[in-house]
Amino acid sequence: QVHLVESGGGLVQAGGSLRLSCAASGSIFSINAMRWFRQAPGKQGELVARITSSGSTYYAESVKGRFTISVNNAKNTVYLQMNSLKPEDTAVYSCAVSTTTGYDYWGQGTQVTVSS
């Protein structure tokens, strides 16, 4: 199993920045991709960014050029650097990992609120 703990959410003004962290523990050797999702009230969940064990990245069009996903392997932590935040980025952000065992694991989520 993999246990994920997110941190770094909060309230920020439009145009500001936040960095989300997701620390993984447990069977981290089995992780082959890490992802950030977000869920806003009344909206469909969205895959925001993904990074694979080979370093390949994916970004949703809505965040390209503003968000950056990265991994610190020594700390078993994935980050989401969010710059130029907009009110429409307001959501609960959750990290998830997929593993070679075929199971996915999710963190508890962290609230990001961007005021206009």
N, C-alpha and C. Protein backbone atom coordinates (compact mmCIF):
# COMPACT_ATOMS: atom_id res chain seq x y z
N GLN A 1 0.82 -1.20 0.00
CA GLN A 1 0.00 0.00 0.00
C GLN A 1 0.86 1.25 0.00
N VAL A 2 0.25 2.33 -0.46
CA VAL A 2 0.91 3.63 -0.47
C VAL A 2 0.04 4.62 0.28
N HIS A 3 0.65 5.37 1.16
CA HIS A 3 -0.06 6.39 1.93
C HIS A 3 0.40 7.76 1.44
N LEU A 4 -0.58 8.64 1.17
CA LEU A 4 -0.28 9.96 0.63
C LEU A 4 -0.80 11.05 1.57
N VAL A 5 0.03 12.05 1.80
CA VAL A 5 -0.37 13.18 2.63
C VAL A 5 -0.07 14.46 1.88
N GLU A 6 -1.13 15.23 1.61
CA GLU A 6 -0.99 16.49 0.88
C GLU A 6 -0.87 17.65 1.85
N SER A 7 -0.25 18.70 1.40
CA SER A 7 -0.17 19.94 2.17
C SER A 7 0.07 21.10 1.21
N GLY A 8 -0.11 22.31 1.72
CA GLY A 8 0.22 23.49 0.93
C GLY A 8 -0.96 24.26 0.39
N GLY A 9 -2.16 23.77 0.61
CA GLY A 9 -3.31 24.52 0.13
C GLY A 9 -3.55 25.75 0.98
N GLY A 10 -4.48 26.57 0.55
CA GLY A 10 -4.81 27.76 1.31
C GLY A 10 -5.54 28.78 0.48
N LEU A 11 -5.58 29.99 1.00
CA LEU A 11 -6.26 31.11 0.35
C LEU A 11 -5.21 32.05 -0.23
N VAL A 12 -5.39 32.41 -1.49
CA VAL A 12 -4.44 33.30 -2.16
C VAL A 12 -5.21 34.23 -3.08
N GLN A 13 -4.67 35.40 -3.31
CA GLN A 13 -5.30 36.33 -4.24
C GLN A 13 -4.98 35.93 -5.68
N ALA A 14 -5.85 36.32 -6.57
CA ALA A 14 -5.61 36.07 -7.98
C ALA A 14 -4.26 36.65 -8.39
N GLY A 15 -3.54 35.87 -9.18
CA GLY A 15 -2.21 36.27 -9.59
C GLY A 15 -1.11 35.74 -8.69
N GLY A 16 -1.50 35.22 -7.55
CA GLY A 16 -0.54 34.69 -6.60
C GLY A 16 -0.10 33.27 -6.91
N SER A 17 0.69 32.71 -6.00
CA SER A 17 1.25 31.38 -6.19
C SER A 17 1.06 30.53 -4.94
N LEU A 18 0.99 29.24 -5.15
CA LEU A 18 0.99 28.26 -4.08
C LEU A 18 1.77 27.05 -4.56
N ARG A 19 2.35 26.32 -3.61
CA ARG A 19 2.99 25.06 -3.95
C ARG A 19 2.37 23.96 -3.10
N LEU A 20 1.78 22.99 -3.78
CA LEU A 20 1.22 21.83 -3.11
C LEU A 20 2.27 20.73 -3.03
N SER A 21 2.23 20.01 -1.92
CA SER A 21 3.13 18.88 -1.73
C SER A 21 2.32 17.63 -1.45
N CYS A 22 2.84 16.50 -1.88
CA CYS A 22 2.20 15.22 -1.61
C CYS A 22 3.30 14.23 -1.28
N ALA A 23 3.37 13.87 0.00
CA ALA A 23 4.41 12.97 0.47
C ALA A 23 3.89 11.54 0.47
N ALA A 24 4.65 10.66 -0.12
CA ALA A 24 4.27 9.26 -0.23
C ALA A 24 5.08 8.40 0.73
N SER A 25 4.43 7.40 1.29
CA SER A 25 5.12 6.44 2.14
C SER A 25 4.51 5.06 1.88
N GLY A 26 5.21 4.05 2.35
CA GLY A 26 4.73 2.68 2.12
C GLY A 26 5.47 2.05 0.95
N SER A 27 4.73 1.42 0.07
CA SER A 27 5.32 0.68 -1.05
C SER A 27 5.63 1.61 -2.22
N ILE A 28 6.46 2.58 -1.95
CA ILE A 28 6.74 3.61 -2.96
C ILE A 28 7.50 3.06 -4.15
N PHE A 29 8.15 1.93 -3.98
CA PHE A 29 8.91 1.35 -5.09
C PHE A 29 7.98 0.95 -6.23
N SER A 30 6.70 0.77 -5.92
CA SER A 30 5.74 0.31 -6.93
C SER A 30 5.08 1.44 -7.71
N ILE A 31 5.39 2.69 -7.34
CA ILE A 31 4.75 3.84 -8.00
C ILE A 31 5.30 4.00 -9.41
N ASN A 32 4.39 4.14 -10.40
CA ASN A 32 4.85 4.39 -11.75
C ASN A 32 4.33 5.71 -12.32
N ALA A 33 3.44 6.36 -11.61
CA ALA A 33 2.99 7.69 -12.04
C ALA A 33 2.35 8.40 -10.86
N MET A 34 2.49 9.70 -10.83
CA MET A 34 1.86 10.51 -9.78
C MET A 34 1.05 11.60 -10.47
N ARG A 35 -0.11 11.89 -9.92
CA ARG A 35 -1.02 12.82 -10.57
C ARG A 35 -1.63 13.78 -9.55
N TRP A 36 -2.01 14.92 -10.04
CA TRP A 36 -2.81 15.88 -9.28
C TRP A 36 -4.15 16.05 -9.98
N PHE A 37 -5.21 15.91 -9.21
CA PHE A 37 -6.57 16.14 -9.68
C PHE A 37 -7.15 17.32 -8.92
N ARG A 38 -8.20 17.89 -9.45
CA ARG A 38 -8.94 18.90 -8.71
C ARG A 38 -10.43 18.72 -8.94
N GLN A 39 -11.16 19.09 -7.92
CA GLN A 39 -12.62 18.99 -7.95
C GLN A 39 -13.19 20.27 -7.40
N ALA A 40 -13.88 21.01 -8.25
CA ALA A 40 -14.55 22.23 -7.82
C ALA A 40 -16.03 21.94 -7.62
N PRO A 41 -16.69 22.65 -6.72
CA PRO A 41 -18.11 22.41 -6.47
C PRO A 41 -18.93 22.55 -7.75
N GLY A 42 -19.74 21.56 -8.01
CA GLY A 42 -20.62 21.61 -9.17
C GLY A 42 -19.94 21.35 -10.50
N LYS A 43 -18.67 21.01 -10.45
CA LYS A 43 -17.94 20.77 -11.70
C LYS A 43 -17.36 19.35 -11.71
N GLN A 44 -17.09 18.88 -12.90
CA GLN A 44 -16.49 17.57 -13.05
C GLN A 44 -15.03 17.61 -12.59
N GLY A 45 -14.57 16.52 -12.01
CA GLY A 45 -13.18 16.43 -11.62
C GLY A 45 -12.26 16.53 -12.83
N GLU A 46 -11.10 17.08 -12.61
CA GLU A 46 -10.17 17.33 -13.71
C GLU A 46 -8.78 16.84 -13.35
N LEU A 47 -8.17 16.12 -14.27
CA LEU A 47 -6.76 15.77 -14.13
C LEU A 47 -5.96 17.03 -14.46
N VAL A 48 -5.22 17.50 -13.51
CA VAL A 48 -4.48 18.75 -13.67
C VAL A 48 -3.09 18.49 -14.26
N ALA A 49 -2.39 17.52 -13.68
CA ALA A 49 -1.03 17.25 -14.13
C ALA A 49 -0.65 15.83 -13.75
N ARG A 50 0.29 15.29 -14.50
CA ARG A 50 0.75 13.94 -14.24
C ARG A 50 2.24 13.88 -14.56
N ILE A 51 2.96 13.07 -13.78
CA ILE A 51 4.36 12.81 -14.07
C ILE A 51 4.60 11.32 -13.89
N THR A 52 5.28 10.73 -14.85
CA THR A 52 5.55 9.30 -14.76
C THR A 52 6.94 9.05 -14.16
N SER A 53 7.22 7.81 -13.89
CA SER A 53 8.51 7.44 -13.31
C SER A 53 9.66 7.75 -14.27
N SER A 54 9.36 7.88 -15.54
CA SER A 54 10.39 8.23 -16.52
C SER A 54 10.55 9.73 -16.68
N GLY A 55 9.69 10.49 -16.00
CA GLY A 55 9.78 11.93 -16.05
C GLY A 55 8.88 12.60 -17.06
N SER A 56 8.10 11.82 -17.79
CA SER A 56 7.17 12.37 -18.75
C SER A 56 6.05 13.11 -18.03
N THR A 57 5.69 14.27 -18.54
CA THR A 57 4.65 15.08 -17.88
C THR A 57 3.48 15.34 -18.80
N TYR A 58 2.35 15.61 -18.17
CA TYR A 58 1.12 16.00 -18.85
C TYR A 58 0.50 17.12 -18.05
N TYR A 59 -0.08 18.10 -18.76
CA TYR A 59 -0.80 19.19 -18.11
C TYR A 59 -2.13 19.41 -18.82
N ALA A 60 -3.14 19.70 -18.04
CA ALA A 60 -4.41 20.12 -18.63
C ALA A 60 -4.20 21.46 -19.33
N GLU A 61 -4.95 21.67 -20.40
CA GLU A 61 -4.80 22.92 -21.16
C GLU A 61 -5.04 24.14 -20.27
N SER A 62 -5.93 23.99 -19.32
CA SER A 62 -6.30 25.12 -18.47
C SER A 62 -5.17 25.58 -17.55
N VAL A 63 -4.13 24.76 -17.38
CA VAL A 63 -3.05 25.13 -16.45
C VAL A 63 -1.68 25.19 -17.12
N LYS A 64 -1.63 24.86 -18.40
CA LYS A 64 -0.34 24.87 -19.11
C LYS A 64 0.30 26.25 -19.03
N GLY A 65 1.58 26.26 -18.73
CA GLY A 65 2.31 27.51 -18.63
C GLY A 65 2.22 28.17 -17.27
N ARG A 66 1.31 27.67 -16.43
CA ARG A 66 1.14 28.26 -15.10
C ARG A 66 1.51 27.28 -13.98
N PHE A 67 1.25 26.01 -14.19
CA PHE A 67 1.50 24.99 -13.17
C PHE A 67 2.67 24.11 -13.61
N THR A 68 3.41 23.64 -12.61
CA THR A 68 4.53 22.74 -12.89
C THR A 68 4.51 21.59 -11.88
N ILE A 69 4.54 20.38 -12.39
CA ILE A 69 4.61 19.20 -11.53
C ILE A 69 6.06 18.72 -11.48
N SER A 70 6.50 18.31 -10.30
CA SER A 70 7.86 17.83 -10.15
C SER A 70 7.91 16.82 -9.01
N VAL A 71 9.00 16.08 -8.97
CA VAL A 71 9.17 15.04 -7.97
C VAL A 71 10.53 15.16 -7.31
N ASN A 72 10.55 15.02 -6.00
CA ASN A 72 11.81 14.89 -5.27
C ASN A 72 11.88 13.44 -4.81
N ASN A 73 12.64 12.65 -5.51
CA ASN A 73 12.68 11.21 -5.22
C ASN A 73 13.29 10.92 -3.85
N ALA A 74 14.22 11.77 -3.44
CA ALA A 74 14.84 11.56 -2.13
C ALA A 74 13.83 11.73 -1.00
N LYS A 75 12.84 12.61 -1.23
CA LYS A 75 11.82 12.87 -0.21
C LYS A 75 10.51 12.13 -0.50
N ASN A 76 10.48 11.38 -1.61
CA ASN A 76 9.26 10.66 -2.00
C ASN A 76 8.06 11.61 -2.05
N THR A 77 8.30 12.77 -2.62
CA THR A 77 7.28 13.82 -2.62
C THR A 77 7.09 14.37 -4.03
N VAL A 78 5.84 14.56 -4.39
CA VAL A 78 5.49 15.21 -5.65
C VAL A 78 4.94 16.59 -5.33
N TYR A 79 5.31 17.55 -6.15
CA TYR A 79 4.91 18.93 -5.94
C TYR A 79 4.07 19.42 -7.11
N LEU A 80 3.24 20.40 -6.82
CA LEU A 80 2.53 21.12 -7.87
C LEU A 80 2.73 22.60 -7.59
N GLN A 81 3.59 23.22 -8.36
CA GLN A 81 3.82 24.65 -8.26
C GLN A 81 2.77 25.36 -9.10
N MET A 82 2.00 26.20 -8.47
CA MET A 82 0.90 26.88 -9.16
C MET A 82 1.16 28.38 -9.14
N ASN A 83 1.35 28.94 -10.31
CA ASN A 83 1.60 30.37 -10.46
C ASN A 83 0.45 31.03 -11.22
N SER A 84 0.40 32.33 -11.13
CA SER A 84 -0.64 33.11 -11.83
C SER A 84 -2.02 32.52 -11.60
N LEU A 85 -2.31 32.26 -10.35
CA LEU A 85 -3.57 31.61 -10.01
C LEU A 85 -4.77 32.48 -10.36
N LYS A 86 -5.84 31.80 -10.75
CA LYS A 86 -7.08 32.46 -11.14
C LYS A 86 -8.20 31.97 -10.23
N PRO A 87 -9.26 32.74 -10.09
CA PRO A 87 -10.39 32.28 -9.27
C PRO A 87 -10.94 30.92 -9.73
N GLU A 88 -10.88 30.65 -11.01
CA GLU A 88 -11.37 29.37 -11.51
C GLU A 88 -10.47 28.19 -11.16
N ASP A 89 -9.33 28.47 -10.55
CA ASP A 89 -8.48 27.38 -10.05
C ASP A 89 -8.93 26.90 -8.67
N THR A 90 -9.89 27.59 -8.09
CA THR A 90 -10.41 27.20 -6.78
C THR A 90 -11.00 25.81 -6.84
N ALA A 91 -10.52 24.93 -5.96
CA ALA A 91 -10.96 23.53 -5.95
C ALA A 91 -10.28 22.80 -4.80
N VAL A 92 -10.73 21.58 -4.58
CA VAL A 92 -10.00 20.66 -3.73
C VAL A 92 -9.02 19.91 -4.63
N TYR A 93 -7.75 19.98 -4.28
CA TYR A 93 -6.71 19.33 -5.06
C TYR A 93 -6.27 18.05 -4.35
N SER A 94 -6.23 16.98 -5.10
CA SER A 94 -5.85 15.69 -4.53
C SER A 94 -4.74 15.07 -5.36
N CYS A 95 -3.81 14.43 -4.69
CA CYS A 95 -2.80 13.70 -5.42
C CYS A 95 -3.18 12.22 -5.45
N ALA A 96 -2.70 11.55 -6.46
CA ALA A 96 -2.96 10.13 -6.62
C ALA A 96 -1.75 9.49 -7.27
N VAL A 97 -1.56 8.24 -6.95
CA VAL A 97 -0.47 7.50 -7.57
C VAL A 97 -1.02 6.22 -8.17
N SER A 98 -0.43 5.82 -9.26
CA SER A 98 -0.73 4.51 -9.81
C SER A 98 0.52 3.65 -9.61
N THR A 99 0.28 2.37 -9.45
CA THR A 99 1.38 1.49 -9.09
C THR A 99 1.46 0.30 -10.04
N THR A 100 2.58 -0.36 -9.98
CA THR A 100 2.78 -1.53 -10.83
C THR A 100 1.90 -2.70 -10.41
N THR A 101 1.30 -2.61 -9.23
CA THR A 101 0.39 -3.66 -8.78
C THR A 101 -1.00 -3.50 -9.39
N GLY A 102 -1.22 -2.36 -10.05
CA GLY A 102 -2.52 -2.10 -10.65
C GLY A 102 -3.45 -1.29 -9.77
N TYR A 103 -3.02 -1.01 -8.55
CA TYR A 103 -3.86 -0.23 -7.65
C TYR A 103 -3.49 1.25 -7.73
N ASP A 104 -4.50 2.09 -7.55
CA ASP A 104 -4.31 3.52 -7.40
C ASP A 104 -4.57 3.90 -5.95
N TYR A 105 -3.84 4.90 -5.48
CA TYR A 105 -4.01 5.40 -4.12
C TYR A 105 -4.21 6.90 -4.18
N TRP A 106 -5.03 7.40 -3.25
CA TRP A 106 -5.39 8.82 -3.23
C TRP A 106 -5.07 9.44 -1.88
N GLY A 107 -4.72 10.72 -1.94
CA GLY A 107 -4.58 11.48 -0.73
C GLY A 107 -5.92 12.03 -0.29
N GLN A 108 -5.92 12.77 0.81
CA GLN A 108 -7.17 13.24 1.39
C GLN A 108 -7.66 14.53 0.75
N GLY A 109 -6.80 15.20 0.02
CA GLY A 109 -7.17 16.45 -0.64
C GLY A 109 -6.82 17.67 0.19
N THR A 110 -6.57 18.77 -0.51
CA THR A 110 -6.28 20.03 0.16
C THR A 110 -7.00 21.14 -0.61
N GLN A 111 -7.60 22.07 0.14
CA GLN A 111 -8.40 23.13 -0.47
C GLN A 111 -7.52 24.26 -0.96
N VAL A 112 -7.76 24.67 -2.18
CA VAL A 112 -7.13 25.86 -2.74
C VAL A 112 -8.23 26.85 -3.10
N THR A 113 -8.15 28.04 -2.54
CA THR A 113 -9.14 29.07 -2.82
C THR A 113 -8.42 30.30 -3.34
N VAL A 114 -8.84 30.76 -4.51
CA VAL A 114 -8.25 31.93 -5.14
C VAL A 114 -9.30 33.03 -5.17
N SER A 115 -9.00 34.12 -4.48
CA SER A 115 -9.95 35.24 -4.42
C SER A 115 -9.66 36.23 -5.55
N SER A 116 -10.73 36.86 -6.00
CA SER A 116 -10.58 37.81 -7.11
C SER A 116 -10.31 39.21 -6.61
